[in-house]
N, C-alpha and C. Protein backbone atom coordinates (compact mmCIF):
# COMPACT_ATOMS: atom_id res chain seq x y z
N MET A 1 -83.60 -71.25 70.62
CA MET A 1 -82.87 -72.14 71.52
C MET A 1 -81.83 -71.32 72.28
N LYS A 2 -81.77 -71.51 73.56
CA LYS A 2 -80.81 -70.80 74.41
C LYS A 2 -79.57 -71.67 74.59
N LEU A 3 -78.42 -71.11 74.23
CA LEU A 3 -77.15 -71.85 74.37
C LEU A 3 -76.56 -71.61 75.75
N THR A 4 -76.02 -72.65 76.31
CA THR A 4 -75.28 -72.53 77.57
C THR A 4 -73.86 -72.09 77.23
N PRO A 5 -73.10 -71.63 78.21
CA PRO A 5 -71.70 -71.28 77.95
C PRO A 5 -70.89 -72.46 77.39
N VAL A 6 -71.17 -73.66 77.86
CA VAL A 6 -70.46 -74.85 77.36
C VAL A 6 -70.80 -75.07 75.89
N MET A 7 -72.08 -74.95 75.55
CA MET A 7 -72.50 -75.13 74.15
C MET A 7 -71.83 -74.08 73.26
N GLU A 8 -71.82 -72.83 73.72
CA GLU A 8 -71.19 -71.76 72.95
C GLU A 8 -69.71 -72.05 72.72
N LYS A 9 -69.03 -72.47 73.77
CA LYS A 9 -67.60 -72.78 73.66
C LYS A 9 -67.36 -73.88 72.64
N PHE A 10 -68.16 -74.95 72.71
CA PHE A 10 -68.00 -76.06 71.77
C PHE A 10 -68.30 -75.61 70.34
N ILE A 11 -69.37 -74.90 70.12
CA ILE A 11 -69.75 -74.45 68.78
C ILE A 11 -68.68 -73.54 68.19
N LEU A 12 -68.16 -72.62 68.99
CA LEU A 12 -67.09 -71.74 68.50
C LEU A 12 -65.83 -72.54 68.16
N HIS A 13 -65.48 -73.48 69.03
CA HIS A 13 -64.29 -74.30 68.78
C HIS A 13 -64.48 -75.17 67.53
N TRP A 14 -65.65 -75.80 67.39
CA TRP A 14 -65.90 -76.66 66.23
C TRP A 14 -65.83 -75.84 64.94
N GLY A 15 -66.33 -74.62 64.99
CA GLY A 15 -66.22 -73.73 63.82
C GLY A 15 -64.79 -73.40 63.49
N GLU A 16 -63.99 -73.14 64.52
CA GLU A 16 -62.55 -72.85 64.34
C GLU A 16 -61.83 -74.07 63.77
N MET A 17 -62.11 -75.24 64.32
CA MET A 17 -61.47 -76.46 63.81
C MET A 17 -61.92 -76.74 62.38
N GLY A 18 -63.19 -76.51 62.10
CA GLY A 18 -63.70 -76.71 60.75
C GLY A 18 -62.92 -75.90 59.74
N SER A 19 -62.65 -74.63 60.07
CA SER A 19 -61.90 -73.79 59.12
C SER A 19 -60.47 -74.30 58.95
N ARG A 20 -59.90 -74.89 59.99
CA ARG A 20 -58.55 -75.47 59.86
C ARG A 20 -58.56 -76.74 59.01
N TRP A 21 -59.69 -77.44 58.98
CA TRP A 21 -59.83 -78.65 58.19
C TRP A 21 -60.34 -78.37 56.78
N GLY A 22 -60.51 -77.08 56.44
CA GLY A 22 -60.97 -76.72 55.11
C GLY A 22 -62.49 -76.68 54.98
N ILE A 23 -63.18 -76.62 56.09
CA ILE A 23 -64.65 -76.54 56.10
C ILE A 23 -65.03 -75.12 56.51
N ASN A 24 -66.00 -74.56 55.84
CA ASN A 24 -66.48 -73.23 56.18
C ASN A 24 -66.88 -73.18 57.66
N ARG A 25 -66.51 -72.09 58.32
CA ARG A 25 -66.77 -71.94 59.75
C ARG A 25 -68.26 -72.08 60.09
N SER A 26 -69.10 -71.44 59.30
CA SER A 26 -70.55 -71.50 59.56
C SER A 26 -71.08 -72.92 59.40
N VAL A 27 -70.60 -73.64 58.40
CA VAL A 27 -71.01 -75.03 58.18
C VAL A 27 -70.66 -75.85 59.43
N ALA A 28 -69.46 -75.69 59.91
CA ALA A 28 -69.02 -76.43 61.10
C ALA A 28 -69.83 -76.03 62.34
N GLN A 29 -70.15 -74.75 62.47
CA GLN A 29 -70.94 -74.31 63.62
C GLN A 29 -72.36 -74.85 63.57
N VAL A 30 -72.96 -74.90 62.38
CA VAL A 30 -74.30 -75.48 62.25
C VAL A 30 -74.24 -76.96 62.63
N HIS A 31 -73.21 -77.64 62.16
CA HIS A 31 -73.04 -79.06 62.51
C HIS A 31 -72.89 -79.23 64.02
N ALA A 32 -72.09 -78.38 64.65
CA ALA A 32 -71.89 -78.46 66.10
C ALA A 32 -73.21 -78.25 66.85
N LEU A 33 -73.97 -77.26 66.41
CA LEU A 33 -75.26 -77.00 67.06
C LEU A 33 -76.17 -78.22 66.94
N LEU A 34 -76.23 -78.80 65.75
CA LEU A 34 -77.09 -79.97 65.55
C LEU A 34 -76.61 -81.17 66.38
N MET A 35 -75.29 -81.27 66.59
CA MET A 35 -74.79 -82.36 67.44
C MET A 35 -75.26 -82.21 68.88
N LEU A 36 -75.40 -80.97 69.33
CA LEU A 36 -75.76 -80.72 70.72
C LEU A 36 -77.27 -80.62 70.95
N CYS A 37 -78.04 -80.44 69.89
CA CYS A 37 -79.50 -80.31 70.04
C CYS A 37 -80.11 -81.66 70.40
N PRO A 38 -80.94 -81.69 71.43
CA PRO A 38 -81.57 -82.95 71.81
C PRO A 38 -82.69 -83.37 70.85
N LYS A 39 -83.16 -82.43 70.02
CA LYS A 39 -84.23 -82.73 69.07
C LYS A 39 -83.95 -82.01 67.76
N PRO A 40 -84.59 -82.43 66.67
CA PRO A 40 -84.40 -81.74 65.39
C PRO A 40 -84.78 -80.26 65.51
N ILE A 41 -84.10 -79.44 64.73
CA ILE A 41 -84.28 -77.99 64.81
C ILE A 41 -84.49 -77.41 63.41
N ALA A 42 -85.35 -76.42 63.30
CA ALA A 42 -85.67 -75.78 62.03
C ALA A 42 -84.57 -74.79 61.64
N ALA A 43 -84.46 -74.54 60.35
CA ALA A 43 -83.41 -73.65 59.83
C ALA A 43 -83.49 -72.25 60.43
N ASP A 44 -84.70 -71.71 60.58
CA ASP A 44 -84.81 -70.36 61.15
C ASP A 44 -84.31 -70.32 62.60
N GLU A 45 -84.54 -71.40 63.34
CA GLU A 45 -84.03 -71.48 64.72
C GLU A 45 -82.51 -71.58 64.74
N ILE A 46 -81.96 -72.31 63.76
CA ILE A 46 -80.50 -72.41 63.66
C ILE A 46 -79.91 -71.02 63.45
N GLY A 47 -80.50 -70.27 62.52
CA GLY A 47 -80.01 -68.92 62.22
C GLY A 47 -80.10 -68.00 63.43
N GLU A 48 -81.24 -68.04 64.13
CA GLU A 48 -81.42 -67.21 65.32
C GLU A 48 -80.42 -67.58 66.41
N THR A 49 -80.27 -68.86 66.64
CA THR A 49 -79.39 -69.34 67.71
C THR A 49 -77.94 -68.96 67.46
N LEU A 50 -77.51 -69.10 66.19
CA LEU A 50 -76.10 -68.82 65.86
C LEU A 50 -75.87 -67.39 65.37
N SER A 51 -76.95 -66.60 65.28
CA SER A 51 -76.87 -65.23 64.74
C SER A 51 -76.23 -65.24 63.35
N VAL A 52 -76.78 -66.11 62.49
CA VAL A 52 -76.29 -66.29 61.13
C VAL A 52 -77.43 -66.03 60.17
N ALA A 53 -77.14 -65.41 59.04
CA ALA A 53 -78.16 -65.10 58.04
C ALA A 53 -78.81 -66.38 57.52
N ARG A 54 -80.09 -66.28 57.16
CA ARG A 54 -80.85 -67.43 56.67
C ARG A 54 -80.17 -68.06 55.45
N SER A 55 -79.62 -67.23 54.56
CA SER A 55 -78.95 -67.75 53.37
C SER A 55 -77.71 -68.56 53.74
N ASN A 56 -77.00 -68.11 54.77
CA ASN A 56 -75.82 -68.83 55.24
C ASN A 56 -76.22 -70.17 55.86
N VAL A 57 -77.33 -70.18 56.59
CA VAL A 57 -77.83 -71.43 57.18
C VAL A 57 -78.22 -72.39 56.06
N SER A 58 -78.91 -71.88 55.05
CA SER A 58 -79.33 -72.72 53.93
C SER A 58 -78.14 -73.34 53.21
N THR A 59 -77.12 -72.53 52.95
CA THR A 59 -75.91 -73.02 52.31
C THR A 59 -75.23 -74.07 53.18
N SER A 60 -75.16 -73.82 54.47
CA SER A 60 -74.54 -74.76 55.41
C SER A 60 -75.30 -76.09 55.45
N ILE A 61 -76.61 -76.01 55.45
CA ILE A 61 -77.44 -77.22 55.48
C ILE A 61 -77.20 -78.04 54.21
N LYS A 62 -77.17 -77.37 53.07
CA LYS A 62 -76.92 -78.09 51.80
C LYS A 62 -75.55 -78.77 51.82
N GLU A 63 -74.54 -78.08 52.34
CA GLU A 63 -73.20 -78.66 52.41
C GLU A 63 -73.19 -79.89 53.33
N LEU A 64 -73.82 -79.77 54.48
CA LEU A 64 -73.85 -80.89 55.42
C LEU A 64 -74.67 -82.07 54.88
N GLN A 65 -75.73 -81.77 54.13
CA GLN A 65 -76.48 -82.84 53.49
C GLN A 65 -75.64 -83.51 52.40
N GLY A 66 -74.86 -82.71 51.68
CA GLY A 66 -73.98 -83.25 50.65
C GLY A 66 -72.94 -84.21 51.22
N TRP A 67 -72.52 -83.94 52.43
CA TRP A 67 -71.57 -84.83 53.12
C TRP A 67 -72.29 -86.04 53.70
N GLY A 68 -73.61 -85.97 53.78
CA GLY A 68 -74.37 -87.06 54.40
C GLY A 68 -74.36 -87.00 55.91
N LEU A 69 -74.10 -85.83 56.47
CA LEU A 69 -73.97 -85.70 57.93
C LEU A 69 -75.27 -85.30 58.63
N ILE A 70 -76.22 -84.72 57.88
CA ILE A 70 -77.49 -84.35 58.49
C ILE A 70 -78.63 -84.82 57.61
N ARG A 71 -79.80 -84.86 58.21
CA ARG A 71 -80.98 -85.27 57.46
C ARG A 71 -82.17 -84.41 57.85
N VAL A 72 -83.15 -84.39 56.94
CA VAL A 72 -84.39 -83.65 57.17
C VAL A 72 -85.32 -84.51 58.02
N VAL A 73 -85.98 -83.86 58.97
CA VAL A 73 -86.97 -84.52 59.82
C VAL A 73 -88.23 -83.66 59.77
N HIS A 74 -89.36 -84.31 59.59
CA HIS A 74 -90.65 -83.59 59.59
C HIS A 74 -91.33 -83.79 60.94
N ILE A 75 -91.81 -82.69 61.49
CA ILE A 75 -92.48 -82.69 62.79
C ILE A 75 -93.97 -82.51 62.54
N PHE A 76 -94.78 -83.39 63.10
CA PHE A 76 -96.23 -83.32 62.93
C PHE A 76 -96.75 -81.95 63.37
N GLY A 77 -97.55 -81.32 62.51
CA GLY A 77 -98.14 -80.03 62.82
C GLY A 77 -97.25 -78.84 62.50
N ASP A 78 -96.04 -79.07 62.02
CA ASP A 78 -95.11 -77.99 61.66
C ASP A 78 -94.71 -78.19 60.20
N ARG A 79 -94.98 -77.21 59.37
CA ARG A 79 -94.71 -77.34 57.94
C ARG A 79 -93.24 -77.15 57.60
N ARG A 80 -92.46 -76.63 58.54
CA ARG A 80 -91.05 -76.39 58.28
C ARG A 80 -90.27 -77.70 58.30
N GLU A 81 -89.14 -77.68 57.60
CA GLU A 81 -88.22 -78.80 57.69
C GLU A 81 -87.34 -78.60 58.91
N HIS A 82 -87.10 -79.67 59.62
CA HIS A 82 -86.20 -79.66 60.77
C HIS A 82 -85.00 -80.53 60.40
N PHE A 83 -83.91 -80.32 61.10
CA PHE A 83 -82.68 -81.03 60.77
C PHE A 83 -82.06 -81.64 62.01
N GLU A 84 -81.44 -82.79 61.79
CA GLU A 84 -80.69 -83.44 62.86
C GLU A 84 -79.46 -84.09 62.25
N THR A 85 -78.45 -84.27 63.09
CA THR A 85 -77.24 -84.94 62.65
C THR A 85 -77.24 -86.37 63.18
N MET A 86 -76.26 -87.13 62.75
CA MET A 86 -76.14 -88.52 63.21
C MET A 86 -75.93 -88.53 64.72
N LYS A 87 -76.48 -89.52 65.34
CA LYS A 87 -76.31 -89.65 66.79
C LYS A 87 -75.00 -90.35 67.14
N ASP A 88 -74.58 -91.28 66.31
CA ASP A 88 -73.41 -92.11 66.58
C ASP A 88 -72.15 -91.44 66.03
N VAL A 89 -71.24 -91.04 66.91
CA VAL A 89 -70.01 -90.36 66.46
C VAL A 89 -69.14 -91.27 65.59
N TRP A 90 -69.22 -92.58 65.80
CA TRP A 90 -68.43 -93.51 64.97
C TRP A 90 -69.00 -93.58 63.56
N GLU A 91 -70.31 -93.53 63.43
CA GLU A 91 -70.94 -93.47 62.11
C GLU A 91 -70.53 -92.18 61.41
N MET A 92 -70.53 -91.09 62.17
CA MET A 92 -70.13 -89.79 61.63
C MET A 92 -68.67 -89.84 61.16
N PHE A 93 -67.81 -90.46 61.93
CA PHE A 93 -66.41 -90.60 61.57
C PHE A 93 -66.27 -91.33 60.24
N ILE A 94 -67.00 -92.43 60.06
CA ILE A 94 -66.92 -93.21 58.82
C ILE A 94 -67.41 -92.39 57.64
N VAL A 95 -68.49 -91.65 57.82
CA VAL A 95 -69.01 -90.81 56.73
C VAL A 95 -68.00 -89.74 56.34
N VAL A 96 -67.41 -89.08 57.34
CA VAL A 96 -66.43 -88.02 57.05
C VAL A 96 -65.20 -88.62 56.37
N MET A 97 -64.74 -89.77 56.85
CA MET A 97 -63.58 -90.41 56.23
C MET A 97 -63.88 -90.77 54.77
N LYS A 98 -65.05 -91.30 54.51
CA LYS A 98 -65.44 -91.69 53.15
C LYS A 98 -65.46 -90.45 52.23
N GLU A 99 -66.04 -89.37 52.71
CA GLU A 99 -66.13 -88.15 51.90
C GLU A 99 -64.76 -87.52 51.67
N ARG A 100 -63.95 -87.47 52.70
CA ARG A 100 -62.61 -86.88 52.53
C ARG A 100 -61.78 -87.72 51.57
N LYS A 101 -61.90 -89.05 51.66
CA LYS A 101 -61.17 -89.92 50.74
C LYS A 101 -61.62 -89.62 49.30
N LYS A 102 -62.92 -89.55 49.10
CA LYS A 102 -63.47 -89.32 47.76
C LYS A 102 -63.07 -87.96 47.22
N ARG A 103 -63.11 -86.93 48.06
CA ARG A 103 -62.88 -85.55 47.61
C ARG A 103 -61.40 -85.16 47.54
N GLU A 104 -60.57 -85.76 48.39
CA GLU A 104 -59.18 -85.32 48.50
C GLU A 104 -58.17 -86.41 48.16
N PHE A 105 -58.35 -87.56 48.76
CA PHE A 105 -57.36 -88.63 48.64
C PHE A 105 -57.35 -89.25 47.24
N ASP A 106 -58.54 -89.65 46.75
CA ASP A 106 -58.61 -90.30 45.44
C ASP A 106 -58.08 -89.41 44.31
N PRO A 107 -58.43 -88.11 44.25
CA PRO A 107 -57.85 -87.27 43.20
C PRO A 107 -56.33 -87.12 43.32
N THR A 108 -55.81 -87.10 44.54
CA THR A 108 -54.37 -87.01 44.74
C THR A 108 -53.68 -88.27 44.23
N LEU A 109 -54.23 -89.42 44.55
CA LEU A 109 -53.67 -90.67 44.08
C LEU A 109 -53.71 -90.75 42.55
N ALA A 110 -54.78 -90.31 41.94
CA ALA A 110 -54.88 -90.30 40.48
C ALA A 110 -53.82 -89.38 39.87
N THR A 111 -53.60 -88.23 40.48
CA THR A 111 -52.58 -87.29 39.99
C THR A 111 -51.18 -87.89 40.14
N LEU A 112 -50.92 -88.53 41.27
CA LEU A 112 -49.62 -89.18 41.46
C LEU A 112 -49.37 -90.24 40.39
N ARG A 113 -50.39 -91.03 40.10
CA ARG A 113 -50.25 -92.06 39.06
C ARG A 113 -49.98 -91.43 37.69
N ASP A 114 -50.68 -90.34 37.39
CA ASP A 114 -50.45 -89.62 36.13
C ASP A 114 -49.02 -89.08 36.07
N CYS A 115 -48.55 -88.52 37.17
CA CYS A 115 -47.19 -87.97 37.22
C CYS A 115 -46.16 -89.09 37.03
N LYS A 116 -46.38 -90.21 37.68
CA LYS A 116 -45.45 -91.34 37.55
C LYS A 116 -45.40 -91.81 36.10
N GLN A 117 -46.55 -91.92 35.47
CA GLN A 117 -46.61 -92.36 34.08
C GLN A 117 -45.90 -91.37 33.17
N ALA A 118 -46.11 -90.09 33.40
CA ALA A 118 -45.47 -89.06 32.57
C ALA A 118 -43.95 -89.03 32.79
N ALA A 119 -43.52 -89.37 34.01
CA ALA A 119 -42.09 -89.33 34.33
C ALA A 119 -41.33 -90.52 33.77
N VAL A 120 -42.03 -91.59 33.41
CA VAL A 120 -41.36 -92.80 32.92
C VAL A 120 -40.48 -92.50 31.71
N GLY A 121 -41.01 -91.80 30.73
CA GLY A 121 -40.24 -91.54 29.51
C GLY A 121 -39.63 -90.16 29.44
N ALA A 122 -39.84 -89.37 30.48
CA ALA A 122 -39.33 -87.99 30.45
C ALA A 122 -37.88 -87.94 30.89
N LYS A 123 -37.03 -87.38 30.02
CA LYS A 123 -35.60 -87.30 30.33
C LYS A 123 -35.29 -86.26 31.40
N GLU A 124 -36.15 -85.23 31.48
CA GLU A 124 -35.86 -84.16 32.44
C GLU A 124 -36.18 -84.56 33.89
N ASP A 125 -36.94 -85.64 34.07
CA ASP A 125 -37.24 -86.10 35.42
C ASP A 125 -36.17 -87.10 35.87
N SER A 126 -35.69 -86.91 37.08
CA SER A 126 -34.59 -87.73 37.59
C SER A 126 -35.10 -89.06 38.15
N ASP A 127 -34.16 -89.95 38.39
CA ASP A 127 -34.48 -91.21 39.05
C ASP A 127 -35.05 -90.94 40.44
N HIS A 128 -34.51 -89.89 41.07
CA HIS A 128 -34.99 -89.52 42.41
C HIS A 128 -36.48 -89.16 42.35
N THR A 129 -36.88 -88.36 41.36
CA THR A 129 -38.29 -87.96 41.22
C THR A 129 -39.17 -89.19 41.01
N ARG A 130 -38.75 -90.09 40.12
CA ARG A 130 -39.53 -91.30 39.85
C ARG A 130 -39.62 -92.18 41.11
N ALA A 131 -38.53 -92.29 41.84
CA ALA A 131 -38.52 -93.12 43.06
C ALA A 131 -39.46 -92.53 44.12
N ARG A 132 -39.44 -91.21 44.28
CA ARG A 132 -40.31 -90.57 45.27
C ARG A 132 -41.78 -90.74 44.90
N LEU A 133 -42.09 -90.59 43.61
CA LEU A 133 -43.47 -90.79 43.17
C LEU A 133 -43.91 -92.22 43.44
N LYS A 134 -43.03 -93.17 43.16
CA LYS A 134 -43.34 -94.59 43.41
C LYS A 134 -43.62 -94.82 44.89
N GLU A 135 -42.78 -94.26 45.76
CA GLU A 135 -42.97 -94.41 47.21
C GLU A 135 -44.29 -93.80 47.66
N LEU A 136 -44.58 -92.61 47.15
CA LEU A 136 -45.83 -91.94 47.52
C LEU A 136 -47.04 -92.74 47.08
N ILE A 137 -46.97 -93.28 45.86
CA ILE A 137 -48.09 -94.07 45.35
C ILE A 137 -48.27 -95.33 46.20
N GLU A 138 -47.20 -96.00 46.55
CA GLU A 138 -47.30 -97.20 47.40
C GLU A 138 -47.94 -96.85 48.74
N PHE A 139 -47.50 -95.75 49.32
CA PHE A 139 -48.08 -95.30 50.59
C PHE A 139 -49.56 -95.00 50.44
N MET A 140 -49.90 -94.23 49.41
CA MET A 140 -51.29 -93.82 49.20
C MET A 140 -52.18 -95.02 48.88
N GLU A 141 -51.68 -95.99 48.13
CA GLU A 141 -52.48 -97.17 47.81
C GLU A 141 -52.74 -98.02 49.06
N LEU A 142 -51.73 -98.16 49.89
CA LEU A 142 -51.91 -98.91 51.13
C LEU A 142 -52.90 -98.19 52.05
N THR A 143 -52.73 -96.90 52.18
CA THR A 143 -53.64 -96.11 53.01
C THR A 143 -55.06 -96.16 52.44
N SER A 144 -55.18 -96.07 51.14
CA SER A 144 -56.48 -96.13 50.47
C SER A 144 -57.16 -97.48 50.72
N SER A 145 -56.38 -98.53 50.67
CA SER A 145 -56.91 -99.87 50.93
C SER A 145 -57.47 -99.96 52.35
N TRP A 146 -56.73 -99.43 53.31
CA TRP A 146 -57.19 -99.42 54.71
C TRP A 146 -58.47 -98.59 54.85
N ALA A 147 -58.49 -97.44 54.20
CA ALA A 147 -59.67 -96.57 54.27
C ALA A 147 -60.89 -97.26 53.67
N ASP A 148 -60.69 -97.95 52.54
CA ASP A 148 -61.81 -98.67 51.92
C ASP A 148 -62.36 -99.73 52.87
N LYS A 149 -61.47 -100.46 53.53
CA LYS A 149 -61.91 -101.48 54.49
C LYS A 149 -62.63 -100.85 55.67
N ALA A 150 -62.09 -99.74 56.16
CA ALA A 150 -62.70 -99.07 57.31
C ALA A 150 -64.09 -98.52 56.96
N GLN A 151 -64.26 -98.05 55.73
CA GLN A 151 -65.55 -97.50 55.32
C GLN A 151 -66.65 -98.56 55.29
N SER A 152 -66.26 -99.81 55.07
CA SER A 152 -67.26 -100.87 54.99
C SER A 152 -67.61 -101.43 56.37
N MET A 153 -66.93 -100.94 57.40
CA MET A 153 -67.18 -101.43 58.76
C MET A 153 -68.41 -100.78 59.36
N SER A 154 -69.01 -101.47 60.28
CA SER A 154 -70.09 -100.86 61.07
C SER A 154 -69.44 -99.90 62.06
N PRO A 155 -70.20 -98.94 62.55
CA PRO A 155 -69.64 -98.06 63.58
C PRO A 155 -69.11 -98.82 64.80
N ALA A 156 -69.80 -99.88 65.19
CA ALA A 156 -69.34 -100.67 66.34
C ALA A 156 -68.00 -101.34 66.05
N SER A 157 -67.85 -101.83 64.82
CA SER A 157 -66.58 -102.48 64.45
C SER A 157 -65.46 -101.46 64.38
N ALA A 158 -65.74 -100.26 63.88
CA ALA A 158 -64.72 -99.20 63.83
C ALA A 158 -64.25 -98.86 65.23
N LYS A 159 -65.18 -98.78 66.15
CA LYS A 159 -64.82 -98.49 67.55
C LYS A 159 -63.92 -99.60 68.11
N LYS A 160 -64.26 -100.85 67.82
CA LYS A 160 -63.45 -101.98 68.28
C LYS A 160 -62.04 -101.91 67.69
N LEU A 161 -61.96 -101.58 66.41
CA LEU A 161 -60.67 -101.47 65.74
C LEU A 161 -59.80 -100.42 66.43
N PHE A 162 -60.37 -99.27 66.74
CA PHE A 162 -59.59 -98.22 67.39
C PHE A 162 -59.16 -98.64 68.80
N LYS A 163 -60.02 -99.36 69.49
CA LYS A 163 -59.65 -99.84 70.82
C LYS A 163 -58.52 -100.86 70.75
N LEU A 164 -58.48 -101.63 69.65
CA LEU A 164 -57.39 -102.58 69.45
C LEU A 164 -56.08 -101.87 69.13
N GLY A 165 -56.17 -100.64 68.68
CA GLY A 165 -55.01 -99.87 68.25
C GLY A 165 -53.88 -99.86 69.26
N ASP A 166 -54.20 -99.67 70.53
CA ASP A 166 -53.15 -99.64 71.55
C ASP A 166 -52.38 -100.96 71.58
N LYS A 167 -53.09 -102.07 71.48
CA LYS A 167 -52.43 -103.38 71.47
C LYS A 167 -51.57 -103.55 70.23
N VAL A 168 -52.07 -103.11 69.10
CA VAL A 168 -51.31 -103.20 67.85
C VAL A 168 -50.04 -102.35 67.94
N PHE A 169 -50.16 -101.14 68.47
CA PHE A 169 -48.98 -100.26 68.58
C PHE A 169 -47.92 -100.88 69.49
N ARG A 170 -48.36 -101.50 70.57
CA ARG A 170 -47.40 -102.18 71.46
C ARG A 170 -46.75 -103.36 70.75
N LEU A 171 -47.54 -104.08 69.93
CA LEU A 171 -47.03 -105.24 69.21
C LEU A 171 -45.97 -104.86 68.17
N VAL A 172 -46.22 -103.82 67.41
CA VAL A 172 -45.28 -103.44 66.34
C VAL A 172 -44.24 -102.45 66.81
N GLY A 173 -44.50 -101.77 67.90
CA GLY A 173 -43.57 -100.74 68.37
C GLY A 173 -42.52 -101.29 69.26
């Protein structure tokens, strides 16, 4: 596959942003390429296009499948597996939010709850520490509740919710 300058710029940027978000650069670049491909693409083509080793492509594909962001597609007459990503960016947003909540947010909330419980009877922990933990837990629980509701939404409903955001901000601001 021949990349245009625009495609190259986007793939490089998505890889850079991925590394800032804690995602391996190659994983993010494979995802970016799949987002821009008009049809499913085989792993060897991904490697050639991005100048990435086959093992790196394989690892990236497994990671993206683990997130639920790509799927295998079989092409009639071709024995290779081809891959494509979700077409709907709102669906992709919900999947990423769900995974990040599960991998990062939920363990943090569990740790905060453990810390709060341990601080209840601990003399060395101050009232300030207990109060801050309580505030953080309240914040995280509220945010978690919103995330759970958002995850159950359809992509179309999520888009509507975000469009309503401006009106909500004007109302409360």
